[in-house]
Each structure stands twice: as structure tokens, then as C-alpha cells.
Protein backbone atom coordinates (compact mmCIF):
# COMPACT_ATOMS: atom_id res chain seq x y z
CA MET A 1 102.72 100.46 80.40
CA PRO A 2 104.54 97.33 81.65
CA ASP A 3 102.54 97.59 84.88
CA THR A 4 99.34 97.57 82.83
CA VAL A 5 100.46 94.46 80.95
CA VAL A 6 101.23 92.74 84.23
CA ASN A 7 97.80 93.68 85.58
CA TYR A 8 96.09 92.28 82.49
CA LEU A 9 98.15 89.09 82.65
CA SER A 10 97.24 88.65 86.32
CA TYR A 11 93.52 88.80 85.44
CA PHE A 12 93.98 86.13 82.77
CA LEU A 13 95.92 83.87 85.13
CA LEU A 14 93.36 84.44 87.88
CA GLY A 15 90.64 83.37 85.45
CA ILE A 16 92.51 80.14 84.79
CA GLY A 17 93.03 79.69 88.52
CA LEU A 18 89.31 80.01 89.24
CA ASN A 19 88.84 76.69 87.45
CA LEU A 20 90.70 75.05 90.32
CA THR A 21 88.07 75.91 92.92
CA PRO A 22 86.08 72.92 94.26
CA CYS A 23 82.83 74.28 92.82
CA VAL A 24 84.15 74.64 89.27
CA TYR A 25 86.71 71.90 88.78
CA PRO A 26 84.35 68.92 89.32
CA MET A 27 81.95 70.54 86.80
CA LEU A 28 84.49 70.39 83.96
CA THR A 29 83.57 66.88 82.85
CA ILE A 30 79.82 67.54 83.17
CA THR A 31 80.00 70.87 81.35
CA LEU A 32 82.20 69.50 78.59
CA SER A 33 79.58 66.86 77.85
CA LEU A 34 77.47 69.73 76.49
CA PHE A 35 79.91 70.15 73.63
CA ARG A 36 79.33 66.64 72.24
CA GLY A 37 76.18 65.89 70.34
CA SER A 38 74.27 62.62 70.35
CA GLU A 39 76.30 61.47 67.37
CA GLU A 40 80.05 61.36 67.05
CA GLY A 41 80.84 64.86 65.89
CA SER A 42 83.93 66.31 64.38
CA ARG A 43 86.56 68.20 66.34
CA TRP A 44 85.40 71.37 64.56
CA GLN A 45 81.84 70.90 65.87
CA SER A 46 83.16 70.37 69.38
CA PHE A 47 85.23 73.53 69.06
CA CYS A 48 82.20 75.54 67.88
CA ARG A 49 80.13 74.39 70.85
CA ALA A 50 82.96 75.22 73.25
CA PHE A 51 83.44 78.59 71.56
CA LEU A 52 79.76 79.47 72.03
CA TYR A 53 79.89 78.52 75.69
CA VAL A 54 83.08 80.54 76.34
CA SER A 55 81.65 83.47 74.32
CA GLY A 56 78.79 83.62 76.80
CA ILE A 57 81.26 83.80 79.69
CA VAL A 58 83.29 86.52 77.93
CA VAL A 59 80.24 88.67 77.08
CA THR A 60 78.90 88.55 80.64
CA TYR A 61 82.21 89.30 82.31
CA THR A 62 83.15 92.08 79.90
CA ALA A 63 79.76 93.69 80.48
CA LEU A 64 80.33 93.47 84.23
CA GLY A 65 83.73 95.14 83.89
CA VAL A 66 82.40 97.93 81.69
CA THR A 67 79.44 98.54 83.98
CA ALA A 68 81.66 98.73 87.05
CA ALA A 69 84.00 101.15 85.27
CA PHE A 70 81.13 103.37 84.03
CA THR A 71 79.88 103.64 87.60
CA GLY A 72 83.43 104.44 88.67
CA GLN A 73 82.50 107.94 89.66
CA PHE A 74 79.79 106.49 91.90
CA PHE A 75 82.19 103.97 93.42
CA GLY A 76 84.91 106.59 93.71
CA GLY A 77 82.66 109.00 95.53
CA LEU A 78 81.37 106.34 97.88
CA LEU A 79 84.83 104.97 98.65
CA GLN A 80 85.70 108.25 100.32
CA ASN A 81 83.00 107.71 102.93
CA PHE A 82 83.88 105.96 106.20
CA TRP A 83 80.66 103.97 106.40
CA VAL A 84 80.86 102.78 102.81
CA LEU A 85 84.50 101.76 103.23
CA LEU A 86 83.53 99.93 106.40
CA LEU A 87 80.64 98.19 104.63
CA VAL A 88 82.80 97.18 101.64
CA GLY A 89 85.54 95.87 103.93
CA CYS A 90 83.09 93.85 106.00
CA PHE A 91 81.38 92.57 102.85
CA ILE A 92 84.62 91.29 101.31
CA PHE A 93 85.65 89.91 104.69
CA ALA A 94 82.35 88.01 104.84
CA LEU A 95 82.91 86.71 101.30
CA SER A 96 86.30 85.39 102.36
CA LEU A 97 84.64 83.31 105.06
CA SER A 98 82.83 81.33 102.35
CA MET A 99 86.23 80.38 100.94
CA PHE A 100 87.18 78.99 104.36
CA GLY A 101 84.10 76.77 104.41
CA PHE A 102 82.02 78.65 106.98
CA TYR A 103 79.10 78.81 104.54
CA THR A 104 78.34 78.29 100.85
CA PHE A 105 78.04 81.30 98.57
CA GLN A 106 75.29 80.42 96.09
CA LEU A 107 72.47 82.24 94.35
CA PRO A 108 68.90 80.87 94.37
CA SER A 109 68.48 77.58 92.50
CA TRP A 110 65.86 79.04 90.16
CA LEU A 111 68.59 81.24 88.63
CA VAL A 112 70.92 78.33 87.87
CA PRO A 113 70.69 77.11 84.24
CA GLN A 114 69.84 73.46 83.72
CA GLN A 115 72.52 71.51 81.88
CA GLY A 116 70.13 69.24 79.99
CA ALA A 117 68.20 72.09 78.46
CA SER A 118 71.33 73.43 76.79
CA ARG A 119 72.60 70.18 75.29
CA ARG A 120 71.39 70.60 71.72
CA SER A 121 70.73 74.34 71.57
CA PHE A 122 73.49 76.66 70.37
CA LEU A 123 71.68 79.56 72.02
CA GLY A 124 71.41 77.46 75.15
CA LEU A 125 75.16 76.89 75.13
CA PHE A 126 75.75 80.63 74.86
CA LEU A 127 73.29 81.40 77.67
CA ALA A 128 74.74 78.67 79.90
CA GLY A 129 78.17 80.23 79.48
CA ALA A 130 76.75 83.70 80.09
CA MET A 131 75.39 82.59 83.46
CA VAL A 132 78.16 80.28 84.62
CA GLY A 133 80.32 82.94 86.31
CA LEU A 134 78.37 84.24 89.25
CA ILE A 135 75.51 81.75 89.14
CA ALA A 136 76.63 78.23 88.28
CA ALA A 137 79.98 78.53 90.07
CA PRO A 138 79.49 79.54 93.72
CA CYS A 139 83.23 79.67 94.45
CA VAL A 140 83.81 82.24 91.71
CA GLY A 141 81.28 84.72 93.07
CA PRO A 142 83.28 86.15 96.01
CA VAL A 143 86.38 86.72 93.87
CA VAL A 144 84.47 88.35 91.01
CA LEU A 145 82.51 90.63 93.31
CA SER A 146 85.73 91.80 94.94
CA LEU A 147 87.30 92.49 91.54
CA LEU A 148 84.24 94.52 90.52
CA VAL A 149 84.82 96.80 93.49
CA HIS A 150 88.42 97.26 92.35
CA ILE A 151 87.38 98.04 88.76
CA GLY A 152 84.84 100.57 90.00
CA GLN A 153 87.55 102.23 92.04
CA GLU A 154 89.86 102.51 89.00
CA LYS A 155 87.15 104.35 87.00
CA ASN A 156 88.72 103.29 83.67
CA VAL A 157 86.32 101.78 81.12
CA THR A 158 89.09 100.33 78.94
CA PHE A 159 90.80 98.78 81.94
CA GLY A 160 87.49 97.35 83.18
CA ALA A 161 86.54 95.89 79.81
CA VAL A 162 89.94 94.39 78.99
CA SER A 163 90.51 93.08 82.54
CA PHE A 164 87.23 91.21 82.74
CA PHE A 165 87.54 90.07 79.13
CA LEU A 166 90.86 88.43 80.02
CA LEU A 167 89.45 87.10 83.30
CA ALA A 168 86.65 85.41 81.36
CA LEU A 169 89.05 84.21 78.68
CA GLY A 170 91.20 82.62 81.37
CA LEU A 171 88.15 81.01 82.95
CA GLY A 172 87.04 79.68 79.56
CA THR A 173 90.40 78.54 78.18
CA PRO A 174 90.22 75.03 79.72
CA TYR A 175 86.75 74.58 78.20
CA MET A 176 88.06 75.58 74.78
CA VAL A 177 91.02 73.21 74.95
CA LEU A 178 89.29 70.27 76.62
CA GLY A 179 86.11 70.74 74.59
CA THR A 180 88.07 70.52 71.36
CA PHE A 181 90.50 67.79 72.39
CA THR A 182 88.19 65.61 74.46
CA GLY A 183 90.83 62.92 74.95
CA LEU A 184 92.63 65.23 77.38
CA LEU A 185 89.83 64.77 79.92
CA ARG A 186 91.23 61.39 80.94
CA LYS A 187 94.51 63.08 81.89
CA LEU A 188 93.00 65.59 84.33
CA PRO A 189 93.97 64.98 87.97
CA ARG A 190 91.11 63.96 90.22
CA SER A 191 89.58 66.49 92.55
CA GLY A 192 90.61 66.18 96.16
CA ALA A 193 92.24 67.91 99.10
CA TRP A 194 94.38 70.10 96.85
CA LEU A 195 91.26 71.83 95.49
CA ILE A 196 90.11 72.67 99.00
CA TRP A 197 93.57 74.05 99.77
CA PHE A 198 93.49 76.24 96.65
CA GLU A 199 90.12 77.63 97.74
CA ARG A 200 91.60 78.45 101.15
CA ALA A 201 94.44 80.29 99.40
CA LEU A 202 91.87 82.44 97.56
CA GLY A 203 90.22 83.01 100.92
CA VAL A 204 93.47 84.41 102.30
CA VAL A 205 93.65 86.84 99.36
CA LEU A 206 90.05 87.98 99.89
CA PHE A 207 90.58 88.31 103.64
CA SER A 208 93.59 90.57 103.00
CA PHE A 209 91.54 92.57 100.49
CA GLY A 210 88.85 93.12 103.13
CA CYS A 211 91.46 94.24 105.66
CA PHE A 212 92.73 96.71 103.06
CA TYR A 213 89.40 98.57 103.02
CA LEU A 214 89.03 98.45 106.80
CA ILE A 215 92.49 99.99 107.20
CA ILE A 216 91.47 102.80 104.84
CA ALA A 217 88.19 103.34 106.68
CA PHE A 218 89.81 103.70 110.09
CA ARG A 219 92.91 105.47 108.72
CA TRP A 220 95.19 103.05 110.55
CA PRO A 221 98.86 103.83 109.76
CA ILE A 222 99.66 100.20 108.99
CA MET A 223 99.15 100.05 105.23
CA PRO A 224 102.85 99.28 104.49
CA TRP A 225 102.57 96.22 106.74
CA LEU A 226 99.47 94.70 105.14
CA VAL A 227 101.11 92.75 102.29
CA PRO A 228 104.02 91.42 104.41
CA LEU A 229 101.63 90.30 107.14
CA ALA A 230 99.33 88.70 104.55
CA PHE A 231 102.25 86.66 103.19
CA LEU A 232 103.49 85.75 106.66
CA GLY A 233 100.12 84.87 108.18
CA GLY A 234 98.80 83.27 105.00
CA GLY A 235 101.95 81.19 104.58
CA ILE A 236 101.81 79.88 108.13
CA TYR A 237 98.11 79.06 107.84
CA LEU A 238 98.23 77.45 104.39
CA GLY A 239 101.44 75.57 105.05
CA TRP A 240 101.07 74.36 108.63
CA LEU A 241 97.67 75.09 110.17
CA GLU A 242 95.17 74.39 107.37
CA ARG A 243 93.73 70.88 107.52
CA THR A 244 91.97 69.19 104.61
CA GLU A 245 90.54 65.72 104.35
CA GLY A 246 92.51 63.06 102.54
CA LYS A 247 96.03 61.76 102.84
CA ALA A 248 98.43 62.65 100.05
CA PRO A 249 102.06 62.73 101.23
CA LYS A 250 103.32 64.60 98.16
CA PHE A 251 100.64 67.25 98.51
CA GLU A 252 101.44 67.65 102.23
CA ILE A 253 105.05 68.32 101.30
CA PHE A 254 103.94 70.84 98.67
CA LYS A 255 101.74 72.64 101.23
CA LYS A 256 104.56 72.97 103.74
CA VAL A 257 107.08 74.13 101.14
CA ALA A 258 104.70 76.66 99.56
CA GLY A 259 103.55 77.96 102.94
CA SER A 260 107.11 78.24 104.23
CA LEU A 261 108.25 80.13 101.14
CA ALA A 262 105.33 82.58 101.48
CA ALA A 263 106.10 83.08 105.19
CA VAL A 264 109.78 83.72 104.45
CA ALA A 265 108.80 86.22 101.76
CA GLY A 266 106.59 87.96 104.31
CA ILE A 267 109.45 88.16 106.81
CA VAL A 268 111.77 89.62 104.17
CA MET A 269 109.14 92.24 103.25
CA LEU A 270 108.64 93.08 106.94
CA LEU A 271 112.37 93.63 107.35
CA ASN A 272 112.41 95.85 104.28
CA ALA A 273 109.39 97.82 105.55
CA THR A 274 111.14 98.28 108.90
CA GLY A 275 114.25 99.49 107.10
CA VAL A 276 112.22 102.11 105.22
CA SER A 277 111.68 104.09 108.43
CA SER A 278 115.46 104.57 108.76
CA LYS A 279 115.82 105.86 105.20
CA PRO A 280 115.93 109.58 104.45
CA ALA A 281 112.47 110.86 103.61
CA MET A 282 111.50 113.60 101.20
CA VAL A 283 109.75 116.58 102.75
CA TRP A 284 106.48 117.57 101.08
CA GLU A 285 104.12 120.50 101.37
CA LYS A 286 100.40 119.94 101.57
CA TYR A 287 98.49 121.42 98.64
CA ARG A 288 96.51 124.57 99.33
CA ALA A 289 94.93 127.24 97.20
CA GLY A 290 97.51 129.65 95.75
CA ILE A 291 100.58 127.50 96.35
CA LEU A 292 101.24 126.96 92.63
CA GLU A 293 101.01 130.69 92.01
CA GLU A 294 103.58 131.24 94.78
CA ALA A 295 105.99 128.82 93.13
CA LYS A 296 105.51 130.52 89.76
CA ALA A 297 106.18 133.96 91.26
CA ALA A 298 109.35 132.64 92.89
CA GLY A 299 110.52 131.01 89.66
CA GLN A 300 110.57 127.52 91.22
CA PRO A 301 109.91 124.32 89.30
CA VAL A 302 107.24 122.12 90.88
CA ILE A 303 106.59 118.43 91.37
CA LEU A 304 102.92 117.82 92.13
CA ASP A 305 102.03 114.38 93.50
CA PHE A 306 98.39 113.24 93.64
CA TYR A 307 97.92 110.42 96.15
CA ALA A 308 95.35 108.74 98.41
CA ASP A 309 95.61 106.68 101.58
CA TRP A 310 93.99 103.69 99.86
CA CYS A 311 96.40 103.77 96.91
CA ILE A 312 99.01 101.00 97.22
CA PRO A 313 101.29 102.35 94.41
CA CYS A 314 101.28 105.69 96.26
CA HIS A 315 102.74 103.99 99.32
CA GLU A 316 105.27 102.22 97.10
CA LEU A 317 106.40 105.58 95.73
CA ASP A 318 106.89 106.89 99.26
CA GLN A 319 108.76 103.76 100.36
CA PHE A 320 110.99 103.04 97.38
CA THR A 321 111.24 106.08 95.10
CA TYR A 322 111.00 109.15 97.32
CA THR A 323 113.49 107.67 99.83
CA ASN A 324 116.20 107.30 97.20
CA PRO A 325 119.07 109.72 98.06
CA GLU A 326 119.62 110.66 94.41
CA VAL A 327 115.93 111.44 93.92
CA ILE A 328 115.87 113.53 97.09
CA ASP A 329 118.98 115.45 96.00
CA LEU A 330 117.68 116.02 92.46
CA LEU A 331 114.32 117.36 93.66
CA LYS A 332 115.72 119.69 96.33
CA ARG A 333 115.30 122.72 94.08
CA PHE A 334 111.68 121.79 93.28
CA ARG A 335 108.63 122.93 95.20
CA ARG A 336 107.43 119.50 96.36
CA ILE A 337 103.65 119.44 96.77
CA LYS A 338 101.32 116.55 97.59
CA VAL A 339 97.59 116.59 96.82
CA ASP A 340 95.57 114.33 99.11
CA THR A 341 92.67 112.87 97.08
CA THR A 342 91.66 110.35 99.73
CA SER A 343 88.55 112.42 100.25
CA VAL A 344 87.77 114.87 97.45
CA ASP A 345 85.37 116.85 99.58
CA THR A 346 86.72 120.40 99.30
CA ALA A 347 86.42 122.89 96.47
CA GLU A 348 90.18 123.42 96.21
CA ILE A 349 90.91 119.70 95.80
CA GLU A 350 88.13 119.28 93.24
CA GLU A 351 89.46 122.28 91.33
CA VAL A 352 93.06 121.02 91.10
CA VAL A 353 91.89 117.52 90.10
CA ARG A 354 89.83 119.02 87.27
CA LYS A 355 92.59 121.44 86.27
CA PHE A 356 95.11 118.63 85.69
CA ASN A 357 92.56 116.09 84.40
CA VAL A 358 93.60 113.48 86.96
CA TYR A 359 92.01 110.15 86.01
CA GLY A 360 94.04 107.81 88.18
CA ILE A 361 96.46 107.87 91.06
CA PRO A 362 99.24 108.12 91.78
CA SER A 363 99.70 110.89 89.23
CA ILE A 364 102.84 113.02 89.12
CA PHE A 365 103.07 116.36 87.31
CA PHE A 366 106.07 118.60 86.72
CA MET A 367 105.98 122.33 86.09
CA ASP A 368 108.89 124.46 84.96
CA ALA A 369 110.03 127.74 86.51
CA SER A 370 107.45 129.68 84.47
CA GLY A 371 104.58 127.64 85.92
CA LEU A 372 103.84 125.63 82.75
CA GLU A 373 103.37 121.89 82.91
CA VAL A 374 106.00 119.69 81.27
CA GLU A 375 103.41 117.42 79.71
CA GLU A 376 105.83 114.79 78.41
CA LEU A 377 106.82 114.06 82.02
CA ARG A 378 103.30 113.33 83.23
CA ILE A 379 103.42 110.04 85.17
CA THR A 380 100.57 107.76 86.26
CA GLY A 381 101.32 104.77 88.45
CA PHE A 382 104.44 103.63 90.25
CA VAL A 383 107.79 104.68 88.83
CA SER A 384 111.20 103.46 89.97
CA PRO A 385 113.91 105.87 91.19
CA GLU A 386 115.95 105.19 88.04
CA GLU A 387 113.03 105.98 85.74
CA LEU A 388 112.17 109.18 87.60
CA LEU A 389 115.80 110.34 87.62
CA GLY A 390 116.22 109.62 83.91
CA ALA A 391 113.03 111.46 82.95
CA VAL A 392 113.81 114.61 84.95
CA ARG A 393 117.44 114.77 83.85
CA ALA A 394 116.43 114.37 80.20
CA SER A 395 114.04 117.35 80.32
CA ARG A 396 115.67 120.55 79.15
CA ARG A 397 112.84 122.67 80.52
CA LEU A 398 113.59 121.51 84.07
CA GLN A 399 117.32 122.17 83.91
CA THR A 400 118.67 125.35 85.43
């Protein structure tokens, strides 16, 4: 549950961060002028106009999240195909290039709402907000499209709806605050080189996201190195190689400090990833038809781990939890079985996924010596060694 809260919070913060892109930030003053009528209105009237505008953003984004989640089965099936993974990876990679200034991501002008037409109309304010995400803000498009792919992969309607609701709420929060308290506009920092730098930082994130899908497509055994290399390479680029127009000594210092810290973090993660290979590793059996029946006949408890090559928490479990000596020792008496759901293209994998109602991965199931699942120990998502040890030790049905 804490991981879910963190995920939701990250969507809200990302929504706020999207306001700092060069395409959105300069529009704040122009857009906020929509919230003031021709006469001096009250703060309540300004708030109502801002609320309508942000409501449009929220409705559109929530609908996008729900739609992506409802088509999760479609996305999930496609994301097991090499060519689709390759296409998605190249698509996100191409989107990242727009964040580096190689081209401008923008929909046709006839789809962009006109500001003047929405000035006095409450419906117009709502519609303008409904279209601002992917249409009126070119810099937001690549990020949102990438997130939609992720939501479709999760195949969770609640997660999709809440995530994009919070993303939209984060995107609209500055409009709510500044639209209500218009005097704050004079205190906003001017746009400049720092906005370009922030866009480049988003480009690094998208570029890494594209690499993620390409690694899955080609089954390259370098997934544990992706995040450390992204921090290292991104830190060096953003701190020392990226060049933006304008001279701001304080911002130059900030760039170098932030980039250096990211690069150092990447080096630390690389050292940790290298150290993982020297840690003791748990030995697993590959799932096959009849293996659970064998364990039941032998009176062995079972730990059943559903994973996929593209699942980052799955790799975290292998690196941090299943290498813990105490975990390895505790699970020695268990039949340790892994179910590879990277490509659910066989009848036996489809059958075991349906049997255990697996909705997300990683998913971990425990069965006692009689072959019955210990339902209270069902785990979805990453779990630390301490949490796993505590749960297993507290279960009477798994004690011999």
C-alpha cells in the first residue's frame, strides 16, 4: 500500500512539474486572464472560473487513464510481442527527441482552442481546460502519451483513474491558486534558460523509458543497469554538457550541482548492482504443468513467484530480497517456483494465471504442505526482506 501511495504522489508531483515546461509556463499569465471578467470580479468568481478550467483538465485526463486501463488487456497482449515492444520503444524514444529540441510536438492548429472564444463562457472555460493537456500544451504530449502506455500495461482501472486524476490535479493546481489569488502572478519567476533545462530533464526520463522497452524487446540482460546508467548519463549531460541560451551564474551552479549529484547517485547504484552478482542467489524452478501437484504429493510448502522480464519490481525482488541470506535460509524447505509471464503464449501459463487470479506482477503466493494457498500471505509488488521474513514466520500454516 505505501508503494501505491508513493506512485499516486509521483503522478501529482509530475503534474505540477509539467507546468514548468517552456510550452506551458509562458501560457500561465495568458490562461489566467480567462478567469477575470471585463469588470472587477470577486475572488470567489475568479475561483469558480479557475475551477471550471481545471475541471476540464481533470475530466479529460481521468477519462484517458480509465480508457488506457480498460484496454489493458489489449496493451498487455501486445506488449508481449517483439515488434510491438520495438515500436513502442522507438515511439517513446522519438517523443524524447522533441524534449531535446529536435522538433516540436504539436497537434494541428485547427484542434487548438482559441483563448478569446472562452473568455466569457463558462462552458468555454471547461472545454478549454478539457483540451489543454495534449492539444494546447505541446510539451505535455510526449510525457502523457508515455504514461498512457504505462497505465495500459498495469491493466488496473482504479490505478489508471486515480493516477491521471492526480496528474491533472497537479497540472491544474497552479491555475487554481494563481487564478484565485491573482496578485501572486507578479511573484512568478520569468521564463528563461531554466525552463529549457527542465524540459531536457524530462527528455532524459523519456529517453530512458524508451530504452526500457527496447531492452525488453531484444531481451538484453542489462535491465538492472538501466536506472544507474540513466542517472549517470543524465547527470553528466544535464550538469555539464547541456547548453541553454542565457547567462545566469546561479542557475549554472545549480545545474552543475544537480547533475553531479545525479551522476554520483548513478555511480553508487552501479556499484550496488555490481555487488549483487557476488551475493548468494536463490535457486528457482521454472513452472511447468504438474509441478504443484508434485509438491503437494511430497508434502512440501510452495512459494510461487509470478514475474516478467519487463517488470522492474520483479528485478528488485531478485536483487534485494531473494539475495538476503535469511530469506534464502528460511525458504530452503519450500518448493521455489517462478512463473514467467513475459509472454503468456502457452496454455499452461494462461491456466496458472487464471487459477490464481493474477492481476499484477510481481505476485507471490504461498501454499502449505497440503497444497492449499495461504491467502493472507498473497503479495503483489515489491516486498523487503524484513517484510517477507516477518510474514512467513508469523504464519502458523507454514511452520513445520
